[in-house]
C-alpha atoms as a PDB file:
ATOM      1  CA  MET A   1      -6.928   2.321  -9.167  1.00  0.00           C
ATOM      2  CA  GLU A   2      -6.878   1.254 -12.658  1.00  0.00           C
ATOM      3  CA  GLY A   3      -4.043  -1.146 -13.684  1.00  0.00           C
ATOM      4  CA  PHE A   4      -3.613  -2.068  -9.928  1.00  0.00           C
ATOM      5  CA  ARG A   5      -4.973  -4.624  -7.556  1.00  0.00           C
ATOM      6  CA  ILE A   6      -4.695  -5.294  -3.764  1.00  0.00           C
ATOM      7  CA  ASN A   7      -1.960  -8.128  -3.261  1.00  0.00           C
ATOM      8  CA  LYS A   8      -3.349 -11.472  -3.221  1.00  0.00           C
ATOM      9  CA  ASN A   9      -0.849 -12.533  -0.409  1.00  0.00           C
ATOM     10  CA  LYS A  10      -3.369 -12.293   2.452  1.00  0.00           C
ATOM     11  CA  GLU A  11      -0.810 -12.657   5.096  1.00  0.00           C
ATOM     12  CA  HIS A  12       1.073  -9.522   3.851  1.00  0.00           C
ATOM     13  CA  VAL A  13      -1.929  -7.436   3.236  1.00  0.00           C
ATOM     14  CA  LYS A  14      -2.917  -8.156   6.963  1.00  0.00           C
ATOM     15  CA  VAL A  15       0.286  -7.138   8.148  1.00  0.00           C
ATOM     16  CA  ILE A  16       0.101  -3.833   6.064  1.00  0.00           C
ATOM     17  CA  MET A  17      -3.513  -3.361   7.123  1.00  0.00           C
ATOM     18  CA  GLU A  18      -2.462  -3.693  10.844  1.00  0.00           C
ATOM     19  CA  GLY A  19       0.098  -1.036  10.290  1.00  0.00           C
ATOM     20  CA  LEU A  20      -2.214   1.249   8.562  1.00  0.00           C
ATOM     21  CA  LEU A  21      -4.633   0.949  11.364  1.00  0.00           C
ATOM     22  CA  ARG A  22      -1.980   1.624  13.880  1.00  0.00           C
ATOM     23  CA  LYS A  23      -0.840   4.771  12.109  1.00  0.00           C
ATOM     24  CA  ASN A  24      -4.551   6.054  11.339  1.00  0.00           C
ATOM     25  CA  GLY A  25      -4.335   5.233   7.709  1.00  0.00           C
ATOM     26  CA  HIS A  26      -0.957   6.489   7.008  1.00  0.00           C
ATOM     27  CA  CYS A  27       1.582   4.545   5.128  1.00  0.00           C
ATOM     28  CA  PRO A  28       3.245   2.134   7.335  1.00  0.00           C
ATOM     29  CA  CYS A  29       6.485   2.357   5.213  1.00  0.00           C
ATOM     30  CA  LYS A  30       6.791   6.520   5.846  1.00  0.00           C
ATOM     31  CA  VAL A  31       7.763   7.632   8.885  1.00  0.00           C
ATOM     32  CA  GLN A  32       5.715  10.935   9.023  1.00  0.00           C
ATOM     33  CA  GLN A  33       2.129  11.042   9.544  1.00  0.00           C
ATOM     34  CA  THR A  34       1.339  13.758   6.947  1.00  0.00           C
ATOM     35  CA  PRO A  35      -1.721  14.221   4.422  1.00  0.00           C
ATOM     36  CA  GLU A  36       0.459  13.109   1.498  1.00  0.00           C
ATOM     37  CA  ASN A  37       1.086   9.686   3.399  1.00  0.00           C
ATOM     38  CA  LEU A  38      -2.489   8.626   3.645  1.00  0.00           C
ATOM     39  CA  CYS A  39      -3.018   5.354   1.971  1.00  0.00           C
ATOM     40  CA  PRO A  40      -2.914   5.224  -1.188  1.00  0.00           C
ATOM     41  CA  CYS A  41       0.052   7.947  -0.706  1.00  0.00           C
ATOM     42  CA  ASP A  42       0.675  10.813  -3.105  1.00  0.00           C
ATOM     43  CA  GLU A  43       3.892   8.856  -4.118  1.00  0.00           C
ATOM     44  CA  PHE A  44       1.823   5.984  -5.322  1.00  0.00           C
ATOM     45  CA  VAL A  45      -0.933   8.104  -7.043  1.00  0.00           C
ATOM     46  CA  GLU A  46       1.683   9.947  -8.767  1.00  0.00           C
ATOM     47  CA  SER A  47       4.579   7.747  -9.528  1.00  0.00           C
ATOM     48  CA  LYS A  48       2.634   4.253  -9.248  1.00  0.00           C
ATOM     49  CA  ILE A  49       5.063   3.058  -6.890  1.00  0.00           C
ATOM     50  CA  CYS A  50       4.094   1.368  -3.657  1.00  0.00           C
ATOM     51  CA  HIS A  51       6.490   0.606  -1.316  1.00  0.00           C
ATOM     52  CA  CYS A  52       4.561  -1.726   1.014  1.00  0.00           C
ATOM     53  CA  ASP A  53       3.269  -4.084  -1.924  1.00  0.00           C
ATOM     54  CA  LEU A  54      -0.190  -3.453  -0.720  1.00  0.00           C
ATOM     55  CA  TRP A  55      -0.957  -2.175  -4.196  1.00  0.00           C
ATOM     56  CA  ILE A  56       0.612  -4.428  -7.307  1.00  0.00           C
ATOM     57  CA  LYS A  57       0.259  -4.239 -10.961  1.00  0.00           C
ATOM     58  CA  ASP A  58      -2.445  -6.359 -12.552  1.00  0.00           C
ATOM     59  CA  ASP A  59       0.010  -8.232 -14.372  1.00  0.00           C
ATOM     60  CA  GLU A  60       2.486  -8.903 -11.573  1.00  0.00           C
ATOM     61  CA  PRO A  61       2.637 -11.959  -9.971  1.00  0.00           C
ATOM     62  CA  CYS A  62       2.205 -12.331  -6.084  1.00  0.00           C
ATOM     63  CA  GLY A  63       2.291 -15.068  -3.537  1.00  0.00           C
ATOM     64  CA  GLU A  64      -1.003 -16.427  -2.172  1.00  0.00           C
END
C-alpha cells in the first residue's frame, strides 16, 4: 500500500495477526465477516483509515 507500512510495534502486530487468523482474514476490528472486511478492508483502501493500526502512514511514529 503506497504511503503506508505495517506498524513496527511487533506485539501489536502479533495481536492483530492472531485476530485475522481467528476471523479467516477479516478485520478483527469489524463485527461482520463480509468480503468488504477482508484485510486490507475496503474502508482502509478507500479512505486510508486502519482502525486496527496494522497499517500506518510512512511518516507516522509508532512504538517498537
